[in-house]
């Protein structure tokens, strides 16, 4: 975390759009001044997505620990005050329909005057749960038309993540934040090497991204 602002600035200064995933808790709040500076300098090129598992305190805290909901809400409200490109990520934990979840988040966000449209799937992403034992159907070319989804909308079509694993000499570029340890999604040591198609060869590709509709990385519309 101490190097995150510098890493963000390096990417933004080179003309890349960034998506920062955070729980908006106290480690993030220690860097408020740097975050505010980057927001004022780069605007909506710097997107921030806050993980809030559910709109109810008890369900969120059951997953993240007692008191975490309140801390995340504090950070979320501060981020909203900076007028940045702000998004939210929830999870399907309670058995509710997507409409019920979005309506619940909408009530919460309105109550705290947070300008996120809970009914916009780019501003509030509702993630399905990932099951290691899942056996989803194979993705075929016909799937895209049936689902009305474009391959270009999947995060790994354009997004990349740089990771340095513990004990490794150098960072590597991977295709997906969900699959940091699968060698099939390791694309090289530079962004240039990683500029190539990605095969959707993991069960999470179908369950989470294609069939599950988890819109991880699309650029959002300007407000």
C-alpha atoms as a PDB file:
ATOM      1  CA  UNK A   1       0.000   0.000   0.000  1.00  0.00           C
ATOM      2  CA  UNK A   2       2.727   2.619   0.686  1.00  0.00           C
ATOM      3  CA  UNK A   3       3.809   2.471  -2.975  1.00  0.00           C
ATOM      4  CA  UNK A   4       0.307   2.473  -4.443  1.00  0.00           C
ATOM      5  CA  UNK A   5      -0.021   6.231  -5.028  1.00  0.00           C
ATOM      6  CA  UNK A   6       3.322   6.331  -6.856  1.00  0.00           C
ATOM      7  CA  UNK A   7       2.353   3.321  -8.962  1.00  0.00           C
ATOM      8  CA  UNK A   8      -0.970   4.935  -9.828  1.00  0.00           C
ATOM      9  CA  UNK A   9       0.686   8.179 -10.816  1.00  0.00           C
ATOM     10  CA  UNK A  10       3.191   6.356 -13.024  1.00  0.00           C
ATOM     11  CA  UNK A  11       0.400   4.588 -14.917  1.00  0.00           C
ATOM     12  CA  UNK A  12      -1.811   7.658 -15.195  1.00  0.00           C
ATOM     13  CA  UNK A  13       1.050   9.869 -16.352  1.00  0.00           C
ATOM     14  CA  UNK A  14       1.657   7.429 -19.209  1.00  0.00           C
ATOM     15  CA  UNK A  15      -1.928   7.827 -20.408  1.00  0.00           C
ATOM     16  CA  UNK A  16      -3.443   4.632 -19.007  1.00  0.00           C
ATOM     17  CA  UNK A  17      -6.825   4.416 -17.322  1.00  0.00           C
ATOM     18  CA  UNK A  18      -6.542   2.805 -13.899  1.00  0.00           C
ATOM     19  CA  UNK A  19      -9.035   0.876 -11.807  1.00  0.00           C
ATOM     20  CA  UNK A  20      -8.147   0.714  -8.121  1.00  0.00           C
ATOM     21  CA  UNK A  21      -9.918  -1.891  -6.004  1.00  0.00           C
ATOM     22  CA  UNK A  22     -10.177  -1.019  -2.315  1.00  0.00           C
ATOM     23  CA  UNK A  23     -12.207  -1.706   0.800  1.00  0.00           C
ATOM     24  CA  UNK A  24     -11.850   2.047   1.563  1.00  0.00           C
ATOM     25  CA  UNK A  25     -10.762   1.381   5.124  1.00  0.00           C
ATOM     26  CA  UNK A  26      -8.050   3.008   7.221  1.00  0.00           C
ATOM     27  CA  UNK A  27      -4.964   1.985   5.178  1.00  0.00           C
ATOM     28  CA  UNK A  28      -6.461   3.872   2.232  1.00  0.00           C
ATOM     29  CA  UNK A  29      -7.419   6.841   4.375  1.00  0.00           C
ATOM     30  CA  UNK A  30      -3.775   7.367   5.334  1.00  0.00           C
ATOM     31  CA  UNK A  31      -3.161   8.456   1.729  1.00  0.00           C
ATOM     32  CA  UNK A  32      -6.030  10.908   1.408  1.00  0.00           C
ATOM     33  CA  UNK A  33      -3.848  13.844   0.343  1.00  0.00           C
ATOM     34  CA  UNK A  34      -2.111  11.884  -2.423  1.00  0.00           C
ATOM     35  CA  UNK A  35      -5.410  10.426  -3.645  1.00  0.00           C
ATOM     36  CA  UNK A  36      -7.011  13.874  -3.735  1.00  0.00           C
ATOM     37  CA  UNK A  37      -4.077  15.245  -5.726  1.00  0.00           C
ATOM     38  CA  UNK A  38      -4.245  12.442  -8.274  1.00  0.00           C
ATOM     39  CA  UNK A  39      -8.010  12.881  -8.624  1.00  0.00           C
ATOM     40  CA  UNK A  40      -7.700  16.592  -9.321  1.00  0.00           C
ATOM     41  CA  UNK A  41      -4.911  15.969 -11.839  1.00  0.00           C
ATOM     42  CA  UNK A  42      -6.269  12.986 -13.779  1.00  0.00           C
ATOM     43  CA  UNK A  43     -10.019  13.085 -13.250  1.00  0.00           C
ATOM     44  CA  UNK A  44     -12.037  10.108 -14.473  1.00  0.00           C
ATOM     45  CA  UNK A  45      -8.967   8.330 -15.836  1.00  0.00           C
ATOM     46  CA  UNK A  46      -8.472   7.220 -12.227  1.00  0.00           C
ATOM     47  CA  UNK A  47     -11.390   4.971 -11.313  1.00  0.00           C
ATOM     48  CA  UNK A  48     -11.849   3.657  -7.784  1.00  0.00           C
ATOM     49  CA  UNK A  49     -14.054   0.668  -6.978  1.00  0.00           C
ATOM     50  CA  UNK A  50     -15.011   0.061  -3.347  1.00  0.00           C
ATOM     51  CA  UNK A  51     -15.926  -3.416  -2.127  1.00  0.00           C
ATOM     52  CA  UNK A  52     -19.106  -3.352  -0.048  1.00  0.00           C
ATOM     53  CA  UNK A  53     -20.382  -6.908   0.078  1.00  0.00           C
ATOM     54  CA  UNK A  54     -23.945  -6.009   1.003  1.00  0.00           C
ATOM     55  CA  UNK A  55     -26.072  -3.000   1.848  1.00  0.00           C
ATOM     56  CA  UNK A  56     -26.863  -4.510   5.257  1.00  0.00           C
ATOM     57  CA  UNK A  57     -24.296  -4.080   8.018  1.00  0.00           C
ATOM     58  CA  UNK A  58     -24.713  -7.565   9.464  1.00  0.00           C
ATOM     59  CA  UNK A  59     -24.194  -9.390   6.165  1.00  0.00           C
ATOM     60  CA  UNK A  60     -21.155  -7.316   5.216  1.00  0.00           C
ATOM     61  CA  UNK A  61     -19.582  -7.654   8.663  1.00  0.00           C
ATOM     62  CA  UNK A  62     -20.177 -11.411   8.642  1.00  0.00           C
ATOM     63  CA  UNK A  63     -17.854 -11.603   5.633  1.00  0.00           C
ATOM     64  CA  UNK A  64     -15.356  -8.866   6.492  1.00  0.00           C
ATOM     65  CA  UNK A  65     -15.313  -8.666  10.275  1.00  0.00           C
ATOM     66  CA  UNK A  66     -17.196  -6.710  12.935  1.00  0.00           C
ATOM     67  CA  UNK A  67     -17.122  -2.957  12.385  1.00  0.00           C
ATOM     68  CA  UNK A  68     -15.869  -3.154   8.811  1.00  0.00           C
ATOM     69  CA  UNK A  69     -19.116  -1.853   7.297  1.00  0.00           C
ATOM     70  CA  UNK A  70     -18.888   1.419   9.218  1.00  0.00           C
ATOM     71  CA  UNK A  71     -15.221   1.890   8.311  1.00  0.00           C
ATOM     72  CA  UNK A  72     -15.879   1.246   4.644  1.00  0.00           C
ATOM     73  CA  UNK A  73     -18.801   3.653   4.619  1.00  0.00           C
ATOM     74  CA  UNK A  74     -16.592   6.338   6.136  1.00  0.00           C
ATOM     75  CA  UNK A  75     -14.025   5.853   3.381  1.00  0.00           C
ATOM     76  CA  UNK A  76     -16.701   5.665   0.687  1.00  0.00           C
ATOM     77  CA  UNK A  77     -18.198   8.971   1.791  1.00  0.00           C
ATOM     78  CA  UNK A  78     -14.777  10.621   1.723  1.00  0.00           C
ATOM     79  CA  UNK A  79     -14.082   9.307  -1.782  1.00  0.00           C
ATOM     80  CA  UNK A  80     -17.468  10.597  -2.928  1.00  0.00           C
ATOM     81  CA  UNK A  81     -16.584  14.040  -1.577  1.00  0.00           C
ATOM     82  CA  UNK A  82     -13.627  14.139  -3.997  1.00  0.00           C
ATOM     83  CA  UNK A  83     -15.954  13.903  -7.011  1.00  0.00           C
ATOM     84  CA  UNK A  84     -13.916  11.092  -8.537  1.00  0.00           C
ATOM     85  CA  UNK A  85     -14.945   8.251 -10.851  1.00  0.00           C
ATOM     86  CA  UNK A  86     -16.329   6.100  -8.078  1.00  0.00           C
ATOM     87  CA  UNK A  87     -17.846   2.630  -8.318  1.00  0.00           C
ATOM     88  CA  UNK A  88     -19.084  -0.037  -5.943  1.00  0.00           C
ATOM     89  CA  UNK A  89     -18.835  -3.830  -5.916  1.00  0.00           C
ATOM     90  CA  UNK A  90     -21.299  -6.039  -4.059  1.00  0.00           C
ATOM     91  CA  UNK A  91     -21.834  -9.798  -3.890  1.00  0.00           C
ATOM     92  CA  UNK A  92     -24.757 -12.189  -4.154  1.00  0.00           C
ATOM     93  CA  UNK A  93     -24.651 -13.406  -0.580  1.00  0.00           C
ATOM     94  CA  UNK A  94     -28.226 -13.159   0.638  1.00  0.00           C
ATOM     95  CA  UNK A  95     -30.320 -15.068  -1.907  1.00  0.00           C
ATOM     96  CA  UNK A  96     -31.982 -11.861  -3.108  1.00  0.00           C
ATOM     97  CA  UNK A  97     -32.640 -11.142  -6.756  1.00  0.00           C
ATOM     98  CA  UNK A  98     -30.401  -8.654  -8.508  1.00  0.00           C
ATOM     99  CA  UNK A  99     -33.247  -6.135  -8.537  1.00  0.00           C
ATOM    100  CA  UNK A 100     -33.692  -6.491  -4.771  1.00  0.00           C
ATOM    101  CA  UNK A 101     -29.948  -6.067  -4.206  1.00  0.00           C
ATOM    102  CA  UNK A 102     -29.746  -2.988  -6.403  1.00  0.00           C
ATOM    103  CA  UNK A 103     -32.777  -1.475  -4.699  1.00  0.00           C
ATOM    104  CA  UNK A 104     -31.207  -2.065  -1.284  1.00  0.00           C
ATOM    105  CA  UNK A 105     -27.924  -0.474  -2.344  1.00  0.00           C
ATOM    106  CA  UNK A 106     -29.876   2.403  -3.883  1.00  0.00           C
ATOM    107  CA  UNK A 107     -31.547   3.156  -0.550  1.00  0.00           C
ATOM    108  CA  UNK A 108     -28.201   3.041   1.263  1.00  0.00           C
ATOM    109  CA  UNK A 109     -26.415   5.290  -1.244  1.00  0.00           C
ATOM    110  CA  UNK A 110     -29.244   7.825  -1.324  1.00  0.00           C
ATOM    111  CA  UNK A 111     -29.334   7.954   2.473  1.00  0.00           C
ATOM    112  CA  UNK A 112     -25.639   8.902   2.506  1.00  0.00           C
ATOM    113  CA  UNK A 113     -25.783  11.197  -0.546  1.00  0.00           C
ATOM    114  CA  UNK A 114     -23.251   9.079  -2.447  1.00  0.00           C
ATOM    115  CA  UNK A 115     -23.582   9.742  -6.200  1.00  0.00           C
ATOM    116  CA  UNK A 116     -23.434   6.157  -7.457  1.00  0.00           C
ATOM    117  CA  UNK A 117     -26.309   4.870  -9.578  1.00  0.00           C
ATOM    118  CA  UNK A 118     -27.078   1.465  -8.053  1.00  0.00           C
ATOM    119  CA  UNK A 119     -29.080   0.476 -11.129  1.00  0.00           C
ATOM    120  CA  UNK A 120     -26.167   1.098 -13.497  1.00  0.00           C
ATOM    121  CA  UNK A 121     -24.207  -2.196 -13.821  1.00  0.00           C
ATOM    122  CA  UNK A 122     -21.008  -0.245 -14.474  1.00  0.00           C
ATOM    123  CA  UNK A 123     -21.323   1.846 -11.319  1.00  0.00           C
ATOM    124  CA  UNK A 124     -22.507  -0.997  -9.080  1.00  0.00           C
ATOM    125  CA  UNK A 125     -21.158  -4.417 -10.011  1.00  0.00           C
ATOM    126  CA  UNK A 126     -22.958  -7.347  -8.383  1.00  0.00           C
ATOM    127  CA  UNK A 127     -20.520 -10.250  -8.403  1.00  0.00           C
ATOM    128  CA  UNK A 128     -21.627 -13.885  -8.452  1.00  0.00           C
ATOM    129  CA  UNK A 129     -19.962 -16.234  -6.017  1.00  0.00           C
ATOM    130  CA  UNK A 130     -17.140 -18.338  -7.434  1.00  0.00           C
ATOM    131  CA  UNK A 131     -17.251 -22.086  -6.796  1.00  0.00           C
ATOM    132  CA  UNK A 132     -14.105 -24.105  -7.379  1.00  0.00           C
ATOM    133  CA  UNK A 133     -16.224 -27.189  -8.009  1.00  0.00           C
ATOM    134  CA  UNK A 134     -18.423 -25.495 -10.599  1.00  0.00           C
ATOM    135  CA  UNK A 135     -18.720 -27.148 -13.995  1.00  0.00           C
ATOM    136  CA  UNK A 136     -20.141 -24.427 -16.272  1.00  0.00           C
ATOM    137  CA  UNK A 137     -20.877 -25.060 -19.958  1.00  0.00           C
ATOM    138  CA  UNK A 138     -18.163 -24.350 -22.500  1.00  0.00           C
ATOM    139  CA  UNK A 139     -18.167 -20.890 -24.031  1.00  0.00           C
ATOM    140  CA  UNK A 140     -18.800 -21.122 -27.787  1.00  0.00           C
ATOM    141  CA  UNK A 141     -18.965 -18.389 -30.455  1.00  0.00           C
ATOM    142  CA  UNK A 142     -22.766 -18.632 -30.340  1.00  0.00           C
ATOM    143  CA  UNK A 143     -22.786 -17.782 -26.618  1.00  0.00           C
ATOM    144  CA  UNK A 144     -21.931 -14.151 -27.233  1.00  0.00           C
ATOM    145  CA  UNK A 145     -25.041 -13.569 -29.372  1.00  0.00           C
ATOM    146  CA  UNK A 146     -27.302 -15.566 -27.063  1.00  0.00           C
ATOM    147  CA  UNK A 147     -26.133 -13.631 -24.018  1.00  0.00           C
ATOM    148  CA  UNK A 148     -25.934 -10.306 -25.873  1.00  0.00           C
ATOM    149  CA  UNK A 149     -22.363  -9.900 -24.601  1.00  0.00           C
ATOM    150  CA  UNK A 150     -19.359  -8.781 -26.593  1.00  0.00           C
ATOM    151  CA  UNK A 151     -15.933 -10.402 -26.113  1.00  0.00           C
ATOM    152  CA  UNK A 152     -14.542  -6.869 -26.070  1.00  0.00           C
ATOM    153  CA  UNK A 153     -16.461  -6.196 -22.837  1.00  0.00           C
ATOM    154  CA  UNK A 154     -14.634  -8.878 -20.862  1.00  0.00           C
ATOM    155  CA  UNK A 155     -11.959  -7.366 -18.646  1.00  0.00           C
ATOM    156  CA  UNK A 156      -9.095  -9.453 -20.004  1.00  0.00           C
ATOM    157  CA  UNK A 157      -9.744  -8.135 -23.532  1.00  0.00           C
ATOM    158  CA  UNK A 158      -8.107  -4.849 -22.581  1.00  0.00           C
ATOM    159  CA  UNK A 159      -7.150  -4.920 -18.874  1.00  0.00           C
ATOM    160  CA  UNK A 160      -3.900  -6.189 -17.414  1.00  0.00           C
ATOM    161  CA  UNK A 161      -2.534  -6.518 -13.875  1.00  0.00           C
ATOM    162  CA  UNK A 162       1.104  -6.438 -12.850  1.00  0.00           C
ATOM    163  CA  UNK A 163       2.003  -8.609  -9.852  1.00  0.00           C
ATOM    164  CA  UNK A 164       5.207  -9.421  -8.055  1.00  0.00           C
ATOM    165  CA  UNK A 165       4.824 -12.670  -6.202  1.00  0.00           C
ATOM    166  CA  UNK A 166       6.607 -13.253  -2.938  1.00  0.00           C
ATOM    167  CA  UNK A 167      10.057 -14.698  -3.628  1.00  0.00           C
ATOM    168  CA  UNK A 168      10.047 -13.764  -7.322  1.00  0.00           C
ATOM    169  CA  UNK A 169      12.838 -11.707  -8.865  1.00  0.00           C
ATOM    170  CA  UNK A 170      10.622  -9.712 -11.234  1.00  0.00           C
ATOM    171  CA  UNK A 171       7.005  -8.710 -11.669  1.00  0.00           C
ATOM    172  CA  UNK A 172       4.863 -10.379 -14.327  1.00  0.00           C
ATOM    173  CA  UNK A 173       1.809  -9.250 -16.266  1.00  0.00           C
ATOM    174  CA  UNK A 174      -1.330 -11.341 -15.864  1.00  0.00           C
ATOM    175  CA  UNK A 175      -4.683 -11.204 -17.584  1.00  0.00           C
ATOM    176  CA  UNK A 176      -7.056 -11.485 -14.663  1.00  0.00           C
ATOM    177  CA  UNK A 177      -7.260 -10.375 -11.053  1.00  0.00           C
ATOM    178  CA  UNK A 178      -9.176 -13.564 -10.198  1.00  0.00           C
ATOM    179  CA  UNK A 179      -6.528 -15.965 -11.489  1.00  0.00           C
ATOM    180  CA  UNK A 180      -3.152 -14.696 -10.262  1.00  0.00           C
ATOM    181  CA  UNK A 181      -1.655 -18.167  -9.848  1.00  0.00           C
ATOM    182  CA  UNK A 182      -2.799 -19.893 -13.055  1.00  0.00           C
ATOM    183  CA  UNK A 183       0.146 -20.042 -15.500  1.00  0.00           C
ATOM    184  CA  UNK A 184      -2.235 -19.943 -18.489  1.00  0.00           C
ATOM    185  CA  UNK A 185      -3.031 -16.323 -17.631  1.00  0.00           C
ATOM    186  CA  UNK A 186       0.564 -15.141 -17.189  1.00  0.00           C
ATOM    187  CA  UNK A 187       1.358 -13.090 -20.284  1.00  0.00           C
ATOM    188  CA  UNK A 188       4.969 -11.996 -19.919  1.00  0.00           C
ATOM    189  CA  UNK A 189       7.103  -9.485 -18.081  1.00  0.00           C
ATOM    190  CA  UNK A 190       6.134  -6.337 -19.997  1.00  0.00           C
ATOM    191  CA  UNK A 191       2.892  -4.743 -21.174  1.00  0.00           C
ATOM    192  CA  UNK A 192       4.144  -5.104 -24.744  1.00  0.00           C
ATOM    193  CA  UNK A 193       4.512  -8.872 -24.306  1.00  0.00           C
ATOM    194  CA  UNK A 194       1.047  -9.019 -22.745  1.00  0.00           C
ATOM    195  CA  UNK A 195      -0.640  -7.325 -25.705  1.00  0.00           C
ATOM    196  CA  UNK A 196      -2.240 -10.488 -27.081  1.00  0.00           C
ATOM    197  CA  UNK A 197      -5.554 -12.382 -26.950  1.00  0.00           C
ATOM    198  CA  UNK A 198      -6.498 -14.307 -23.828  1.00  0.00           C
ATOM    199  CA  UNK A 199      -8.141 -17.726 -23.987  1.00  0.00           C
ATOM    200  CA  UNK A 200     -11.130 -18.116 -21.647  1.00  0.00           C
ATOM    201  CA  UNK A 201      -9.782 -21.404 -20.361  1.00  0.00           C
ATOM    202  CA  UNK A 202     -10.850 -21.404 -16.708  1.00  0.00           C
ATOM    203  CA  UNK A 203     -14.208 -22.259 -15.116  1.00  0.00           C
ATOM    204  CA  UNK A 204     -14.285 -18.780 -13.581  1.00  0.00           C
ATOM    205  CA  UNK A 205     -14.253 -17.261 -17.085  1.00  0.00           C
ATOM    206  CA  UNK A 206     -17.671 -18.780 -17.752  1.00  0.00           C
ATOM    207  CA  UNK A 207     -19.168 -18.730 -14.254  1.00  0.00           C
ATOM    208  CA  UNK A 208     -17.968 -15.295 -13.240  1.00  0.00           C
ATOM    209  CA  UNK A 209     -17.403 -13.143 -16.314  1.00  0.00           C
ATOM    210  CA  UNK A 210     -19.430 -14.496 -19.244  1.00  0.00           C
ATOM    211  CA  UNK A 211     -22.437 -16.314 -17.759  1.00  0.00           C
ATOM    212  CA  UNK A 212     -22.288 -14.476 -14.434  1.00  0.00           C
ATOM    213  CA  UNK A 213     -22.188 -11.047 -16.057  1.00  0.00           C
ATOM    214  CA  UNK A 214     -19.466  -9.712 -13.764  1.00  0.00           C
ATOM    215  CA  UNK A 215     -18.536  -6.499 -15.538  1.00  0.00           C
ATOM    216  CA  UNK A 216     -15.116  -6.042 -14.015  1.00  0.00           C
ATOM    217  CA  UNK A 217     -13.290  -3.707 -16.290  1.00  0.00           C
ATOM    218  CA  UNK A 218     -15.414  -1.746 -18.734  1.00  0.00           C
ATOM    219  CA  UNK A 219     -14.827   1.962 -18.975  1.00  0.00           C
ATOM    220  CA  UNK A 220     -17.773   3.779 -17.465  1.00  0.00           C
ATOM    221  CA  UNK A 221     -19.757   6.488 -19.165  1.00  0.00           C
ATOM    222  CA  UNK A 222     -18.824  10.054 -18.309  1.00  0.00           C
ATOM    223  CA  UNK A 223     -21.377  11.695 -16.062  1.00  0.00           C
END
